[in-house]
């Protein structure tokens, strides 16, 4: 039998810092990940994650994330970022998408998201990012 705890506010042990439950439930990330984009395999690359069941490497700088628990709708906030070594002369363009239609190539879903990081080396070649991170805010189903 499941139990339930109902509270309006959470406080730390000293009672001096508090937060209303609406911020805990509505304001916290429901999924995130951090991984090394240039690892040999995506399985070796994961550094930390929450609510992510699988990662897929789609090719240079493109990754899919599949959530363990679906979101209630496709209208949530998905943000991704990447970083590179600043001394290598590389430039980075980072983005993400979760839409259908021209250029998207992926239907809108409540469970799978795609990010891309275009790293352009000094010679014009594409490269994977050193670190790739993402976070999703929204309501779970």
Protein backbone atom coordinates (compact mmCIF):
# COMPACT_ATOMS: atom_id res chain seq x y z
CA UNK A 1 0.00 0.00 0.00
CA UNK A 2 1.41 3.36 -1.02
CA UNK A 3 1.68 6.13 1.53
CA UNK A 4 1.21 9.83 1.00
CA UNK A 5 2.77 12.84 2.69
CA UNK A 6 0.99 16.18 2.31
CA UNK A 7 2.83 19.38 3.18
CA UNK A 8 2.68 23.03 2.15
CA UNK A 9 6.29 23.97 2.87
CA UNK A 10 9.62 22.17 3.26
CA UNK A 11 12.25 23.52 5.68
CA UNK A 12 15.87 22.59 6.33
CA UNK A 13 16.93 21.02 9.64
CA UNK A 14 17.53 24.43 11.30
CA UNK A 15 14.12 25.71 10.14
CA UNK A 16 15.65 28.82 8.60
CA UNK A 17 15.40 27.98 4.89
CA UNK A 18 12.08 27.00 3.37
CA UNK A 19 10.49 26.42 -0.02
CA UNK A 20 6.83 26.10 -0.98
CA UNK A 21 5.83 22.74 -2.45
CA UNK A 22 4.59 24.34 -5.67
CA UNK A 23 8.22 25.20 -6.50
CA UNK A 24 9.43 21.71 -5.68
CA UNK A 25 6.76 20.03 -7.82
CA UNK A 26 6.55 22.54 -10.67
CA UNK A 27 9.99 24.11 -10.73
CA UNK A 28 12.36 21.18 -10.58
CA UNK A 29 13.84 19.47 -13.61
CA UNK A 30 12.03 16.27 -14.54
CA UNK A 31 14.89 14.95 -16.68
CA UNK A 32 18.55 15.81 -17.24
CA UNK A 33 21.76 14.31 -18.55
CA UNK A 34 25.41 15.08 -18.83
CA UNK A 35 27.75 13.04 -20.98
CA UNK A 36 30.96 13.15 -22.94
CA UNK A 37 30.02 13.63 -26.57
CA UNK A 38 33.33 12.48 -27.98
CA UNK A 39 33.51 9.15 -26.10
CA UNK A 40 34.02 5.94 -28.08
CA UNK A 41 30.48 4.77 -27.29
CA UNK A 42 27.51 6.63 -25.84
CA UNK A 43 27.23 4.02 -23.07
CA UNK A 44 30.73 4.90 -21.87
CA UNK A 45 29.96 8.59 -22.04
CA UNK A 46 27.13 9.09 -19.51
CA UNK A 47 28.31 11.07 -16.49
CA UNK A 48 24.95 11.68 -14.79
CA UNK A 49 21.26 11.48 -15.67
CA UNK A 50 17.74 11.53 -14.27
CA UNK A 51 14.66 10.03 -15.98
CA UNK A 52 16.62 9.06 -19.11
CA UNK A 53 16.33 5.41 -20.18
CA UNK A 54 18.39 5.46 -23.39
CA UNK A 55 20.79 7.68 -25.29
CA UNK A 56 21.29 7.34 -29.02
CA UNK A 57 24.24 8.73 -30.95
CA UNK A 58 22.83 9.79 -34.36
CA UNK A 59 26.18 10.80 -35.80
CA UNK A 60 28.49 13.72 -35.29
CA UNK A 61 26.99 16.06 -32.70
CA UNK A 62 23.44 14.64 -32.79
CA UNK A 63 21.89 12.73 -29.88
CA UNK A 64 18.47 11.37 -28.91
CA UNK A 65 17.32 11.08 -25.30
CA UNK A 66 14.43 8.79 -24.38
CA UNK A 67 12.76 9.44 -21.04
CA UNK A 68 11.92 6.67 -18.59
CA UNK A 69 8.70 8.47 -17.60
CA UNK A 70 6.82 10.35 -20.32
CA UNK A 71 5.78 13.98 -20.06
CA UNK A 72 2.10 14.89 -19.96
CA UNK A 73 2.31 16.83 -23.25
CA UNK A 74 4.80 17.97 -25.87
CA UNK A 75 4.72 21.50 -24.42
CA UNK A 76 7.67 21.43 -22.03
CA UNK A 77 11.00 23.24 -21.95
CA UNK A 78 13.97 21.33 -23.35
CA UNK A 79 17.40 22.96 -23.21
CA UNK A 80 20.73 21.57 -24.32
CA UNK A 81 24.26 22.91 -24.20
CA UNK A 82 27.74 21.75 -25.11
CA UNK A 83 31.24 22.88 -24.42
CA UNK A 84 34.56 22.53 -26.15
CA UNK A 85 38.16 23.30 -25.32
CA UNK A 86 38.68 27.01 -25.96
CA UNK A 87 42.31 26.58 -27.01
CA UNK A 88 41.58 24.32 -29.99
CA UNK A 89 40.35 26.95 -32.42
CA UNK A 90 36.95 25.29 -32.71
CA UNK A 91 33.59 27.06 -32.95
CA UNK A 92 30.34 25.64 -31.52
CA UNK A 93 26.69 26.02 -32.42
CA UNK A 94 24.32 24.25 -30.04
CA UNK A 95 20.62 23.59 -30.34
CA UNK A 96 17.82 21.16 -29.89
CA UNK A 97 14.54 20.18 -31.42
CA UNK A 98 11.43 18.19 -30.73
CA UNK A 99 9.20 18.85 -33.71
CA UNK A 100 7.99 17.38 -36.96
CA UNK A 101 8.22 18.95 -40.38
CA UNK A 102 10.93 20.38 -42.56
CA UNK A 103 14.35 19.89 -41.04
CA UNK A 104 13.05 18.20 -37.90
CA UNK A 105 13.02 14.66 -39.12
CA UNK A 106 11.37 13.55 -35.88
CA UNK A 107 7.73 13.52 -34.85
CA UNK A 108 6.73 15.41 -31.72
CA UNK A 109 6.59 13.02 -28.76
CA UNK A 110 6.29 13.17 -24.98
CA UNK A 111 9.26 10.87 -24.45
CA UNK A 112 12.06 11.37 -27.01
CA UNK A 113 14.11 14.52 -27.62
CA UNK A 114 16.98 15.30 -29.96
CA UNK A 115 19.84 17.71 -29.48
CA UNK A 116 22.64 18.72 -31.77
CA UNK A 117 25.99 20.38 -31.27
CA UNK A 118 27.81 21.46 -34.37
CA UNK A 119 31.48 21.81 -33.58
CA UNK A 120 33.52 23.21 -36.45
CA UNK A 121 37.24 22.61 -36.23
CA UNK A 122 39.86 24.94 -37.69
CA UNK A 123 39.97 22.82 -40.87
CA UNK A 124 36.16 23.03 -41.31
CA UNK A 125 35.52 19.42 -40.23
CA UNK A 126 32.63 18.61 -37.89
CA UNK A 127 33.40 17.15 -34.44
CA UNK A 128 31.55 15.90 -31.36
CA UNK A 129 31.44 18.14 -28.27
CA UNK A 130 33.61 17.33 -25.30
CA UNK A 131 30.64 17.62 -22.94
CA UNK A 132 26.92 17.62 -23.77
CA UNK A 133 24.21 18.50 -21.24
CA UNK A 134 20.43 18.75 -21.38
CA UNK A 135 17.53 19.45 -19.03
CA UNK A 136 13.76 19.18 -19.42
CA UNK A 137 11.21 21.08 -17.32
CA UNK A 138 7.52 20.22 -17.52
CA UNK A 139 4.81 18.01 -16.07
CA UNK A 140 5.19 14.24 -16.07
CA UNK A 141 2.28 12.09 -17.24
